[in-house]
Each structure stands twice: as C-alpha cells, then as structure tokens.
Amino acid sequence: MTETSTANQPFAPKTSKRSKVIAMAVFAAIVGFLYIVSKLATEITTPLAKNSHRNYSN
C-alpha cells in the first residue's frame, strides 16, 4: 500500500520532509523566543521581587 501511494505521489515525501523541517524551525524559533523572553522577564522581575521583599521586611 505505501509503495503504490509513494509511486503515485512522488512529490509527497519531499513536501512532507520540507514541512517537517519548516515545522521544526518554527518550533525552535518559538522555543528560543520564549526562552529569551522568560530570561528577560526573570532578570527584570527578580530585582523588583527582592526590593518588594525588603520593603515588606522593613
């Protein structure tokens, strides 16, 4: 079944590989973007959190 389908659709494997590569690239870009955003957010919020804790302790 798979052999006949691939023979009937020669471009299907290429498009599937390309779409997989594109999907992986998009996924990697999103993950990297979220990682950078979370890192920036933690850098911005940690001093504020420390300051707020100091204010509450005082």
Protein backbone atom coordinates (compact mmCIF):
# COMPACT_ATOMS: atom_id res chain seq x y z
CA MET A 1 0.00 0.00 0.00
CA THR A 2 2.69 2.52 0.94
CA GLU A 3 4.85 1.70 -2.08
CA THR A 4 1.99 2.30 -4.53
CA SER A 5 0.97 5.54 -2.79
CA THR A 6 4.55 6.89 -2.92
CA ALA A 7 4.81 5.86 -6.57
CA ASN A 8 1.56 7.66 -7.37
CA GLN A 9 2.63 10.75 -5.42
CA PRO A 10 6.38 11.29 -5.99
CA PHE A 11 6.31 14.81 -4.52
CA ALA A 12 4.61 13.81 -1.26
CA PRO A 13 7.78 12.69 0.59
CA LYS A 14 9.68 15.86 -0.40
CA THR A 15 6.86 18.13 0.74
CA SER A 16 6.45 16.18 3.98
CA LYS A 17 10.19 16.43 4.71
CA ARG A 18 10.17 20.14 3.88
CA SER A 19 7.10 20.75 6.04
CA LYS A 20 8.73 18.82 8.88
CA VAL A 21 11.88 20.93 8.58
CA ILE A 22 9.82 24.13 8.48
CA ALA A 23 7.76 22.99 11.47
CA MET A 24 10.91 22.15 13.43
CA ALA A 25 12.46 25.51 12.54
CA VAL A 26 9.32 27.38 13.62
CA PHE A 27 9.15 25.32 16.81
CA ALA A 28 12.81 26.05 17.57
CA ALA A 29 12.29 29.75 16.89
CA ILE A 30 9.26 29.87 19.20
CA VAL A 31 11.10 27.97 21.94
CA GLY A 32 14.12 30.27 21.64
CA PHE A 33 11.90 33.35 21.68
CA LEU A 34 10.03 32.14 24.76
CA TYR A 35 13.35 31.26 26.44
CA ILE A 36 14.75 34.74 25.79
CA VAL A 37 11.51 36.41 26.93
CA SER A 38 11.40 34.33 30.11
CA LYS A 39 15.07 35.08 30.80
CA LEU A 40 14.49 38.82 30.32
CA ALA A 41 11.35 38.63 32.46
CA THR A 42 13.22 36.93 35.30
CA GLU A 43 16.05 39.48 35.06
CA ILE A 44 13.50 42.31 35.24
CA THR A 45 11.28 40.81 37.95
CA THR A 46 13.92 39.39 40.32
CA PRO A 47 15.27 42.79 41.47
CA LEU A 48 11.70 44.06 41.85
CA ALA A 49 10.80 40.99 43.90
CA LYS A 50 13.88 41.45 46.09
CA ASN A 51 13.06 45.14 46.57
CA SER A 52 9.45 44.34 47.44
CA HIS A 53 10.58 41.68 49.91
CA ARG A 54 12.96 44.19 51.50
CA ASN A 55 10.17 46.75 51.73
CA TYR A 56 7.83 44.21 53.32
CA SER A 57 10.53 43.08 55.77
CA ASN A 58 11.26 46.68 56.74
